[in-house]
Amino acid sequence: MWFDSFNWDGLRNCTLKPPIVPTVQSPTDTSNFDDYPEDEDEPPPDDLTGWDKDF
């Protein structure tokens, strides 16, 4: 099985080394993500049917 050789103790002890460490310039740095067009869809209307009134 794939996990037979997995280092579970390293996972438990938070000592596993990540396979990739991205370079990040600031907390808002999104350079490691792809660019996507803005979502221009309108949000769905509020559901006022009352189906969840007993929650």
PDB file of N, CA and C in Angstrom:
ATOM      1  N   MET A   1       0.833  -1.173   0.000  1.00  0.00           N
ATOM      2  CA  MET A   1       0.000   0.000   0.000  1.00  0.00           C
ATOM      3  C   MET A   1       0.886   1.247   0.000  1.00  0.00           C
ATOM      4  N   TRP A   2       0.349   2.346  -0.511  1.00  0.00           N
ATOM      5  CA  TRP A   2       1.159   3.558  -0.662  1.00  0.00           C
ATOM      6  C   TRP A   2       1.626   4.113   0.668  1.00  0.00           C
ATOM      7  N   PHE A   3       0.897   3.905   1.730  1.00  0.00           N
ATOM      8  CA  PHE A   3       1.243   4.529   3.009  1.00  0.00           C
ATOM      9  C   PHE A   3       2.113   3.645   3.896  1.00  0.00           C
ATOM     10  N   ASP A   4       2.487   2.452   3.421  1.00  0.00           N
ATOM     11  CA  ASP A   4       3.346   1.580   4.227  1.00  0.00           C
ATOM     12  C   ASP A   4       4.682   2.238   4.553  1.00  0.00           C
ATOM     13  N   SER A   5       5.218   2.997   3.610  1.00  0.00           N
ATOM     14  CA  SER A   5       6.521   3.631   3.836  1.00  0.00           C
ATOM     15  C   SER A   5       6.397   5.091   4.287  1.00  0.00           C
ATOM     16  N   PHE A   6       5.183   5.527   4.584  1.00  0.00           N
ATOM     17  CA  PHE A   6       4.965   6.911   4.993  1.00  0.00           C
ATOM     18  C   PHE A   6       5.456   7.125   6.421  1.00  0.00           C
ATOM     19  N   ASN A   7       6.048   8.270   6.678  1.00  0.00           N
ATOM     20  CA  ASN A   7       6.590   8.597   7.994  1.00  0.00           C
ATOM     21  C   ASN A   7       5.483   9.181   8.879  1.00  0.00           C
ATOM     22  N   TRP A   8       4.700   8.319   9.493  1.00  0.00           N
ATOM     23  CA  TRP A   8       3.587   8.758  10.329  1.00  0.00           C
ATOM     24  C   TRP A   8       4.073   9.468  11.583  1.00  0.00           C
ATOM     25  N   ASP A   9       5.201   9.035  12.126  1.00  0.00           N
ATOM     26  CA  ASP A   9       5.749   9.721  13.304  1.00  0.00           C
ATOM     27  C   ASP A   9       6.150  11.149  12.957  1.00  0.00           C
ATOM     28  N   GLY A  10       6.725  11.345  11.775  1.00  0.00           N
ATOM     29  CA  GLY A  10       7.076  12.686  11.332  1.00  0.00           C
ATOM     30  C   GLY A  10       5.852  13.566  11.172  1.00  0.00           C
ATOM     31  N   LEU A  11       4.765  12.980  10.677  1.00  0.00           N
ATOM     32  CA  LEU A  11       3.515  13.732  10.551  1.00  0.00           C
ATOM     33  C   LEU A  11       2.983  14.104  11.930  1.00  0.00           C
ATOM     34  N   ARG A  12       2.966  13.147  12.827  1.00  0.00           N
ATOM     35  CA  ARG A  12       2.456  13.377  14.182  1.00  0.00           C
ATOM     36  C   ARG A  12       3.278  14.429  14.917  1.00  0.00           C
ATOM     37  N   ASN A  13       4.596  14.410  14.706  1.00  0.00           N
ATOM     38  CA  ASN A  13       5.492  15.329  15.411  1.00  0.00           C
ATOM     39  C   ASN A  13       5.740  16.634  14.657  1.00  0.00           C
ATOM     40  N   CYS A  14       5.089  16.789  13.503  1.00  0.00           N
ATOM     41  CA  CYS A  14       5.240  17.994  12.667  1.00  0.00           C
ATOM     42  C   CYS A  14       6.694  18.206  12.252  1.00  0.00           C
ATOM     43  N   THR A  15       7.390  17.120  11.906  1.00  0.00           N
ATOM     44  CA  THR A  15       8.786  17.234  11.482  1.00  0.00           C
ATOM     45  C   THR A  15       8.985  16.853  10.024  1.00  0.00           C
ATOM     46  N   LEU A  16       7.903  16.589   9.284  1.00  0.00           N
ATOM     47  CA  LEU A  16       8.028  16.258   7.865  1.00  0.00           C
ATOM     48  C   LEU A  16       8.493  17.481   7.092  1.00  0.00           C
ATOM     49  N   LYS A  17       9.358  17.274   6.128  1.00  0.00           N
ATOM     50  CA  LYS A  17       9.802  18.365   5.265  1.00  0.00           C
ATOM     51  C   LYS A  17       8.860  18.428   4.061  1.00  0.00           C
ATOM     52  N   PRO A  18       8.353  19.608   3.725  1.00  0.00           N
ATOM     53  CA  PRO A  18       7.442  19.719   2.586  1.00  0.00           C
ATOM     54  C   PRO A  18       8.187  19.501   1.276  1.00  0.00           C
ATOM     55  N   PRO A  19       7.533  18.907   0.273  1.00  0.00           N
ATOM     56  CA  PRO A  19       8.185  18.682  -1.014  1.00  0.00           C
ATOM     57  C   PRO A  19       8.418  19.984  -1.785  1.00  0.00           C
ATOM     58  N   ILE A  20       7.587  20.987  -1.535  1.00  0.00           N
ATOM     59  CA  ILE A  20       7.701  22.277  -2.225  1.00  0.00           C
ATOM     60  C   ILE A  20       7.520  23.381  -1.189  1.00  0.00           C
ATOM     61  N   VAL A  21       8.417  24.343  -1.191  1.00  0.00           N
ATOM     62  CA  VAL A  21       8.283  25.512  -0.319  1.00  0.00           C
ATOM     63  C   VAL A  21       8.215  26.730  -1.232  1.00  0.00           C
ATOM     64  N   PRO A  22       7.018  27.290  -1.441  1.00  0.00           N
ATOM     65  CA  PRO A  22       6.894  28.424  -2.348  1.00  0.00           C
ATOM     66  C   PRO A  22       7.539  29.683  -1.769  1.00  0.00           C
ATOM     67  N   THR A  23       8.008  30.530  -2.659  1.00  0.00           N
ATOM     68  CA  THR A  23       8.537  31.829  -2.255  1.00  0.00           C
ATOM     69  C   THR A  23       7.361  32.780  -2.090  1.00  0.00           C
ATOM     70  N   VAL A  24       7.253  33.389  -0.931  1.00  0.00           N
ATOM     71  CA  VAL A  24       6.149  34.300  -0.634  1.00  0.00           C
ATOM     72  C   VAL A  24       6.746  35.615  -0.162  1.00  0.00           C
ATOM     73  N   GLN A  25       6.322  36.707  -0.793  1.00  0.00           N
ATOM     74  CA  GLN A  25       6.857  38.027  -0.476  1.00  0.00           C
ATOM     75  C   GLN A  25       6.113  38.726   0.657  1.00  0.00           C
ATOM     76  N   SER A  26       4.819  38.408   0.804  1.00  0.00           N
ATOM     77  CA  SER A  26       4.002  39.068   1.823  1.00  0.00           C
ATOM     78  C   SER A  26       2.769  38.210   2.083  1.00  0.00           C
ATOM     79  N   PRO A  27       1.997  38.520   3.114  1.00  0.00           N
ATOM     80  CA  PRO A  27       0.781  37.745   3.387  1.00  0.00           C
ATOM     81  C   PRO A  27      -0.251  37.797   2.257  1.00  0.00           C
ATOM     82  N   THR A  28      -0.179  38.830   1.416  1.00  0.00           N
ATOM     83  CA  THR A  28      -1.143  38.950   0.320  1.00  0.00           C
ATOM     84  C   THR A  28      -0.546  38.581  -1.029  1.00  0.00           C
ATOM     85  N   ASP A  29       0.628  37.970  -1.043  1.00  0.00           N
ATOM     86  CA  ASP A  29       1.298  37.577  -2.281  1.00  0.00           C
ATOM     87  C   ASP A  29       0.546  36.414  -2.929  1.00  0.00           C
ATOM     88  N   THR A  30       0.012  36.637  -4.115  1.00  0.00           N
ATOM     89  CA  THR A  30      -0.711  35.591  -4.838  1.00  0.00           C
ATOM     90  C   THR A  30       0.034  35.147  -6.086  1.00  0.00           C
ATOM     91  N   SER A  31       1.324  35.423  -6.162  1.00  0.00           N
ATOM     92  CA  SER A  31       2.095  35.114  -7.368  1.00  0.00           C
ATOM     93  C   SER A  31       2.228  33.618  -7.629  1.00  0.00           C
ATOM     94  N   ASN A  32       1.953  32.778  -6.658  1.00  0.00           N
ATOM     95  CA  ASN A  32       2.047  31.332  -6.851  1.00  0.00           C
ATOM     96  C   ASN A  32       0.741  30.717  -7.349  1.00  0.00           C
ATOM     97  N   PHE A  33      -0.261  31.555  -7.598  1.00  0.00           N
ATOM     98  CA  PHE A  33      -1.545  31.088  -8.084  1.00  0.00           C
ATOM     99  C   PHE A  33      -1.767  31.568  -9.507  1.00  0.00           C
ATOM    100  N   ASP A  34      -2.543  30.801 -10.273  1.00  0.00           N
ATOM    101  CA  ASP A  34      -2.897  31.204 -11.625  1.00  0.00           C
ATOM    102  C   ASP A  34      -3.874  32.372 -11.574  1.00  0.00           C
ATOM    103  N   ASP A  35      -3.892  33.162 -12.654  1.00  0.00           N
ATOM    104  CA  ASP A  35      -4.852  34.250 -12.780  1.00  0.00           C
ATOM    105  C   ASP A  35      -6.130  33.716 -13.415  1.00  0.00           C
ATOM    106  N   TYR A  36      -7.251  34.118 -12.881  1.00  0.00           N
ATOM    107  CA  TYR A  36      -8.547  33.734 -13.418  1.00  0.00           C
ATOM    108  C   TYR A  36      -9.375  34.991 -13.610  1.00  0.00           C
ATOM    109  N   PRO A  37     -10.280  34.976 -14.593  1.00  0.00           N
ATOM    110  CA  PRO A  37     -11.130  36.156 -14.781  1.00  0.00           C
ATOM    111  C   PRO A  37     -12.066  36.333 -13.587  1.00  0.00           C
ATOM    112  N   GLU A  38     -12.421  37.568 -13.338  1.00  0.00           N
ATOM    113  CA  GLU A  38     -13.353  37.872 -12.256  1.00  0.00           C
ATOM    114  C   GLU A  38     -14.687  37.190 -12.522  1.00  0.00           C
ATOM    115  N   ASP A  39     -15.322  36.715 -11.487  1.00  0.00           N
ATOM    116  CA  ASP A  39     -16.641  36.113 -11.596  1.00  0.00           C
ATOM    117  C   ASP A  39     -17.659  37.238 -11.711  1.00  0.00           C
ATOM    118  N   GLU A  40     -18.356  37.289 -12.832  1.00  0.00           N
ATOM    119  CA  GLU A  40     -19.313  38.367 -13.063  1.00  0.00           C
ATOM    120  C   GLU A  40     -20.756  37.915 -12.869  1.00  0.00           C
ATOM    121  N   ASP A  41     -20.940  36.674 -12.437  1.00  0.00           N
ATOM    122  CA  ASP A  41     -22.298  36.180 -12.210  1.00  0.00           C
ATOM    123  C   ASP A  41     -22.910  36.875 -11.001  1.00  0.00           C
ATOM    124  N   GLU A  42     -24.192  37.094 -11.084  1.00  0.00           N
ATOM    125  CA  GLU A  42     -24.921  37.652  -9.951  1.00  0.00           C
ATOM    126  C   GLU A  42     -25.072  36.560  -8.895  1.00  0.00           C
ATOM    127  N   PRO A  43     -25.034  36.920  -7.633  1.00  0.00           N
ATOM    128  CA  PRO A  43     -25.262  35.902  -6.603  1.00  0.00           C
ATOM    129  C   PRO A  43     -26.694  35.381  -6.692  1.00  0.00           C
ATOM    130  N   PRO A  44     -26.923  34.148  -6.296  1.00  0.00           N
ATOM    131  CA  PRO A  44     -28.291  33.625  -6.361  1.00  0.00           C
ATOM    132  C   PRO A  44     -29.195  34.383  -5.399  1.00  0.00           C
ATOM    133  N   PRO A  45     -30.479  34.435  -5.703  1.00  0.00           N
ATOM    134  CA  PRO A  45     -31.401  35.142  -4.805  1.00  0.00           C
ATOM    135  C   PRO A  45     -31.523  34.399  -3.476  1.00  0.00           C
ATOM    136  N   ASP A  46     -31.893  35.133  -2.441  1.00  0.00           N
ATOM    137  CA  ASP A  46     -32.112  34.512  -1.138  1.00  0.00           C
ATOM    138  C   ASP A  46     -33.257  33.515  -1.232  1.00  0.00           C
ATOM    139  N   ASP A  47     -33.091  32.395  -0.561  1.00  0.00           N
ATOM    140  CA  ASP A  47     -34.137  31.376  -0.527  1.00  0.00           C
ATOM    141  C   ASP A  47     -35.080  31.709   0.620  1.00  0.00           C
ATOM    142  N   LEU A  48     -36.242  32.181   0.292  1.00  0.00           N
ATOM    143  CA  LEU A  48     -37.210  32.592   1.310  1.00  0.00           C
ATOM    144  C   LEU A  48     -38.349  31.589   1.450  1.00  0.00           C
ATOM    145  N   THR A  49     -38.092  30.323   1.050  1.00  0.00           N
ATOM    146  CA  THR A  49     -39.153  29.315   1.111  1.00  0.00           C
ATOM    147  C   THR A  49     -39.425  28.845   2.525  1.00  0.00           C
ATOM    148  N   GLY A  50     -38.477  29.052   3.448  1.00  0.00           N
ATOM    149  CA  GLY A  50     -38.677  28.647   4.831  1.00  0.00           C
ATOM    150  C   GLY A  50     -38.350  27.188   5.105  1.00  0.00           C
ATOM    151  N   TRP A  51     -37.727  26.501   4.163  1.00  0.00           N
ATOM    152  CA  TRP A  51     -37.425  25.076   4.339  1.00  0.00           C
ATOM    153  C   TRP A  51     -36.531  24.819   5.552  1.00  0.00           C
ATOM    154  N   ASP A  52     -35.771  25.829   5.988  1.00  0.00           N
ATOM    155  CA  ASP A  52     -34.818  25.620   7.077  1.00  0.00           C
ATOM    156  C   ASP A  52     -35.226  26.326   8.375  1.00  0.00           C
ATOM    157  N   LYS A  53     -36.468  26.693   8.509  1.00  0.00           N
ATOM    158  CA  LYS A  53     -36.900  27.463   9.679  1.00  0.00           C
ATOM    159  C   LYS A  53     -36.747  26.697  10.986  1.00  0.00           C
ATOM    160  N   ASP A  54     -36.733  25.367  10.949  1.00  0.00           N
ATOM    161  CA  ASP A  54     -36.629  24.567  12.170  1.00  0.00           C
ATOM    162  C   ASP A  54     -35.193  24.232  12.553  1.00  0.00           C
ATOM    163  N   PHE A  55     -34.240  24.731  11.811  1.00  0.00           N
ATOM    164  CA  PHE A  55     -32.833  24.453  12.144  1.00  0.00           C
ATOM    165  C   PHE A  55     -32.418  25.216  13.360  1.00  0.00           C
TER     166      PHE A  55
END
